[in-house]
Protein backbone atom coordinates (compact mmCIF):
# COMPACT_ATOMS: atom_id res chain seq x y z
CA UNK A 1 -14.81 -17.22 -7.27
CA UNK A 2 -18.20 -17.93 -5.06
CA UNK A 3 -20.02 -14.33 -5.14
CA UNK A 4 -19.68 -14.03 -1.23
CA UNK A 5 -16.48 -14.16 -1.18
CA UNK A 6 -16.42 -10.81 -4.15
CA UNK A 7 -19.47 -9.56 -1.93
CA UNK A 8 -17.07 -9.47 1.19
CA UNK A 9 -14.28 -8.22 -1.15
CA UNK A 10 -16.52 -5.72 -2.23
CA UNK A 11 -18.07 -4.07 0.89
CA UNK A 12 -14.11 -4.08 2.74
CA UNK A 13 -12.50 -1.88 -0.01
CA UNK A 14 -16.30 0.85 -0.15
CA UNK A 15 -15.17 0.67 3.88
CA UNK A 16 -11.35 1.26 4.17
CA UNK A 17 -11.05 3.55 0.55
CA UNK A 18 -14.31 4.97 -0.50
CA UNK A 19 -16.34 5.89 2.32
CA UNK A 20 -13.29 6.51 5.28
CA UNK A 21 -12.53 10.35 4.06
CA UNK A 22 -9.12 11.76 5.10
CA UNK A 23 -9.72 14.19 7.85
CA UNK A 24 -11.05 10.89 9.57
CA UNK A 25 -7.53 9.14 9.13
CA UNK A 26 -5.59 12.10 10.06
CA UNK A 27 -8.25 12.19 13.24
CA UNK A 28 -7.72 8.10 14.27
CA UNK A 29 -3.91 8.67 13.84
CA UNK A 30 -3.42 12.09 15.98
CA UNK A 31 -5.75 10.67 18.73
CA UNK A 32 -5.76 6.89 18.30
CA UNK A 33 -8.42 4.95 20.44
CA UNK A 34 -9.83 8.14 21.57
CA UNK A 35 -11.24 9.39 18.21
CA UNK A 36 -14.78 8.46 17.74
CA UNK A 37 -14.11 8.12 13.84
CA UNK A 38 -12.43 4.53 14.57
CA UNK A 39 -16.01 3.63 15.91
CA UNK A 40 -17.46 4.87 12.79
CA UNK A 41 -15.83 3.50 10.61
CA UNK A 42 -16.01 -0.42 12.48
CA UNK A 43 -19.30 0.15 12.46
CA UNK A 44 -19.34 1.23 8.79
CA UNK A 45 -17.43 -1.61 7.60
CA UNK A 46 -19.97 -4.76 9.67
CA UNK A 47 -22.61 -2.55 7.80
CA UNK A 48 -21.75 -2.42 4.91
CA UNK A 49 -21.80 -6.28 4.73
CA UNK A 50 -25.32 -5.99 5.46
CA UNK A 51 -25.76 -4.03 2.59
CA UNK A 52 -24.13 -6.08 0.12
CA UNK A 53 -25.95 -9.09 0.91
CA UNK A 54 -29.43 -7.37 0.88
CA UNK A 55 -29.95 -9.53 4.25
CA UNK A 56 -29.56 -9.52 7.57
CA UNK A 57 -29.05 -12.71 7.92
CA UNK A 58 -25.15 -12.20 7.78
CA UNK A 59 -25.07 -10.25 10.86
CA UNK A 60 -22.41 -13.25 12.58
CA UNK A 61 -20.06 -12.64 9.55
CA UNK A 62 -20.89 -8.72 9.82
CA UNK A 63 -20.03 -8.95 13.74
CA UNK A 64 -16.95 -10.91 13.17
CA UNK A 65 -15.53 -8.38 10.35
CA UNK A 66 -16.41 -5.65 12.69
CA UNK A 67 -14.77 -7.13 15.56
CA UNK A 68 -11.73 -7.67 13.89
CA UNK A 69 -11.64 -5.09 11.44
CA UNK A 70 -11.67 -2.94 15.15
CA UNK A 71 -8.52 -5.05 16.80
CA UNK A 72 -6.84 -4.94 13.53
CA UNK A 73 -7.32 -0.90 13.08
CA UNK A 74 -6.43 -0.38 16.49
CA UNK A 75 -3.15 -2.12 16.44
CA UNK A 76 -1.82 -0.41 13.63
CA UNK A 77 -2.58 3.28 14.94
CA UNK A 78 -1.20 2.50 18.91
CA UNK A 79 1.98 0.34 17.20
CA UNK A 80 2.69 2.49 13.88
CA UNK A 81 5.54 5.24 14.03
CA UNK A 82 5.84 8.03 11.20
CA UNK A 83 8.95 5.49 9.26
CA UNK A 84 6.48 1.98 9.93
CA UNK A 85 3.40 3.80 8.20
CA UNK A 86 4.17 2.36 4.57
CA UNK A 87 4.53 -1.32 6.40
CA UNK A 88 1.42 -1.53 8.33
CA UNK A 89 -0.59 -0.01 5.48
CA UNK A 90 0.28 -3.38 3.70
CA UNK A 91 0.12 -5.20 7.04
CA UNK A 92 -2.81 -3.58 8.04
CA UNK A 93 -4.89 -4.45 4.46
CA UNK A 94 -3.14 -8.08 4.38
CA UNK A 95 -4.80 -9.06 7.94
CA UNK A 96 -8.31 -7.56 6.76
CA UNK A 97 -8.07 -9.87 3.62
CA UNK A 98 -6.83 -12.87 5.63
CA UNK A 99 -9.97 -12.38 7.70
CA UNK A 100 -12.24 -11.77 4.99
CA UNK A 101 -11.45 -15.04 3.85
CA UNK A 102 -11.61 -16.36 6.65
CA UNK A 103 -14.86 -15.60 7.15
CA UNK A 104 -15.35 -17.03 3.62
CA UNK A 105 -14.06 -20.53 4.33
CA UNK A 106 -16.58 -20.61 7.70
CA UNK A 107 -19.72 -19.35 6.48
CA UNK A 108 -19.79 -20.31 2.76
CA UNK A 109 -17.34 -22.64 1.38
CA UNK A 110 -18.58 -25.88 0.98
CA UNK A 111 -21.86 -24.83 2.11
CA UNK A 112 -25.47 -25.79 -0.13
CA UNK A 113 -25.82 -22.89 -2.29
CA UNK A 114 -28.01 -21.75 -5.51
CA UNK A 115 -25.38 -21.46 -8.05
CA UNK A 116 -28.66 -20.27 -9.87
CA UNK A 117 -27.50 -16.79 -9.45
CA UNK A 118 -24.10 -17.23 -10.79
CA UNK A 119 -24.97 -15.62 -14.16
CA UNK A 120 -25.13 -12.44 -12.86
CA UNK A 121 -21.51 -12.77 -10.59
CA UNK A 122 -19.28 -11.15 -13.20
CA UNK A 123 -20.91 -8.05 -12.52
CA UNK A 124 -19.24 -7.57 -9.16
CA UNK A 125 -16.53 -8.75 -10.42
CA UNK A 126 -16.19 -6.66 -12.77
CA UNK A 127 -17.31 -4.01 -10.36
CA UNK A 128 -15.08 -5.44 -7.57
CA UNK A 129 -12.06 -5.58 -10.77
CA UNK A 130 -12.20 -1.54 -11.35
CA UNK A 131 -12.91 0.15 -7.99
CA UNK A 132 -9.75 -1.39 -7.29
CA UNK A 133 -8.10 0.46 -9.81
CA UNK A 134 -9.13 3.88 -8.43
CA UNK A 135 -8.98 5.01 -5.19
CA UNK A 136 -7.47 2.10 -3.50
CA UNK A 137 -4.48 1.88 -6.23
CA UNK A 138 -3.71 5.10 -5.99
CA UNK A 139 -3.88 5.03 -2.73
CA UNK A 140 -1.15 2.13 -3.44
CA UNK A 141 1.18 3.83 -6.08
CA UNK A 142 1.04 7.08 -3.41
CA UNK A 143 2.62 4.93 -0.94
CA UNK A 144 5.32 3.22 -3.05
CA UNK A 145 7.06 6.15 -4.86
CA UNK A 146 6.29 8.52 -1.69
CA UNK A 147 10.00 8.44 -0.83
CA UNK A 148 10.79 9.47 -4.72
CA UNK A 149 9.01 12.79 -5.27
CA UNK A 150 11.61 15.70 -5.87
CA UNK A 151 11.91 18.45 -3.86
CA UNK A 152 10.61 20.90 -6.06
CA UNK A 153 7.39 23.56 -5.90
CA UNK A 154 4.12 22.40 -6.84
CA UNK A 155 3.45 23.00 -10.02
CA UNK A 156 0.09 20.87 -11.34
CA UNK A 157 -2.99 21.11 -10.15
CA UNK A 158 -4.69 19.48 -6.75
CA UNK A 159 -5.16 15.75 -7.57
CA UNK A 160 -4.69 15.93 -11.11
CA UNK A 161 -1.71 13.32 -11.36
CA UNK A 162 -3.99 10.74 -9.10
CA UNK A 163 -7.61 11.18 -11.22
CA UNK A 164 -5.16 10.89 -14.45
CA UNK A 165 -3.75 7.76 -12.89
CA UNK A 166 -7.67 6.24 -11.98
CA UNK A 167 -8.81 6.89 -15.07
CA UNK A 168 -5.86 5.50 -17.10
CA UNK A 169 -6.42 2.70 -15.02
CA UNK A 170 -9.85 2.51 -15.30
CA UNK A 171 -9.79 2.22 -19.36
CA UNK A 172 -6.60 -0.20 -19.30
CA UNK A 173 -9.32 -2.36 -17.66
CA UNK A 174 -11.57 -1.42 -20.26
CA UNK A 175 -9.46 -2.09 -23.31
CA UNK A 176 -7.75 -5.41 -21.45
CA UNK A 177 -11.78 -6.95 -20.52
CA UNK A 178 -12.76 -6.30 -24.04
CA UNK A 179 -10.33 -8.14 -25.66
CA UNK A 180 -8.77 -4.86 -26.71
CA UNK A 181 -4.87 -5.10 -25.93
CA UNK A 182 -3.92 -2.95 -28.98
CA UNK A 183 -5.22 0.34 -27.33
CA UNK A 184 -3.21 0.00 -24.17
CA UNK A 185 -0.40 0.47 -26.05
CA UNK A 186 -2.07 3.88 -27.75
CA UNK A 187 -2.84 4.92 -24.40
CA UNK A 188 0.81 4.73 -22.84
CA UNK A 189 1.71 6.53 -26.33
CA UNK A 190 -0.58 9.35 -26.09
CA UNK A 191 0.55 9.73 -22.11
CA UNK A 192 3.88 9.84 -23.24
CA UNK A 193 3.35 12.51 -26.27
CA UNK A 194 1.86 14.40 -23.46
CA UNK A 195 4.52 13.79 -20.74
CA UNK A 196 7.36 14.23 -22.88
CA UNK A 197 6.88 18.51 -23.29
CA UNK A 198 6.99 18.75 -19.43
CA UNK A 199 9.64 16.61 -19.19
CA UNK A 200 12.11 18.38 -21.95
CA UNK A 201 11.67 21.63 -19.70
CA UNK A 202 11.60 20.20 -16.44
CA UNK A 203 14.71 18.90 -17.48
CA UNK A 204 15.58 17.01 -14.29
CA UNK A 205 16.69 13.49 -14.75
CA UNK A 206 14.59 12.47 -11.22
CA UNK A 207 11.04 14.21 -12.56
CA UNK A 208 11.56 11.18 -15.42
CA UNK A 209 12.48 8.63 -12.80
CA UNK A 210 10.15 9.97 -10.37
CA UNK A 211 7.12 9.82 -13.47
CA UNK A 212 8.48 7.19 -15.59
CA UNK A 213 8.00 4.68 -11.99
CA UNK A 214 4.40 6.08 -11.22
CA UNK A 215 3.49 5.45 -15.33
CA UNK A 216 4.53 1.94 -14.95
CA UNK A 217 2.86 0.65 -11.75
CA UNK A 218 0.34 2.60 -12.43
CA UNK A 219 0.20 0.74 -15.93
CA UNK A 220 1.18 -2.52 -14.58
CA UNK A 221 -1.05 -2.92 -11.86
CA UNK A 222 -3.87 -2.12 -14.37
CA UNK A 223 -2.53 -4.87 -16.60
CA UNK A 224 -2.34 -7.12 -13.79
CA UNK A 225 -5.67 -6.49 -11.64
CA UNK A 226 -7.59 -7.02 -15.14
CA UNK A 227 -6.10 -9.82 -16.93
CA UNK A 228 -6.85 -12.03 -13.58
CA UNK A 229 -10.42 -10.45 -13.28
CA UNK A 230 -10.56 -12.33 -17.37
CA UNK A 231 -9.35 -15.43 -15.83
CA UNK A 232 -11.23 -16.25 -12.94
CA UNK A 233 -13.63 -18.79 -14.17
CA UNK A 234 -16.97 -18.05 -12.09
């Protein structure tokens, strides 16, 4: 995989998942195109293109990313409803990825690039894979299993589940990249032991199924991303 594509993807997940506070999202959904956070978000995405490439020569790519990001996000804000947020989230991300791929094909694919720096490209790939398994995957899992949340009072620490999931996916990422698959099984067994008491005391089938869905999704995505990273030839 060409390093330019990895950098464009890295800029995207930084802008959409790490540098966009929840209050920005709430404000944008509330006042839509009147929100100055929407325009700040777009400018941030364009600026991140300059940052990851460490150059101002990519101004055309940054401009393209910024304009298309605004159009896609604006359409999402205008047309999504309460019952279609899940669909619009995945559609929004898919469109952004398509734009990034198009940008890469137009500006980099087939160009005469000095591939001497590719000796460091694994680092970019590992960083991208690791970041992908933190907040982006946590948000994806939350959206997928949100409909299964048991109707029960909160009995856990705020955001504890999110950070436990992030840590377990990063551990799986390291285990797979270092070819220690047995450690993945150990991690799953350890988590099952800690969860057993909670589920036994709770004595609720719905809660058990909810935990299993979240755990299997988290482990499955982590293993899939990790294996994909290891099989990419760069």
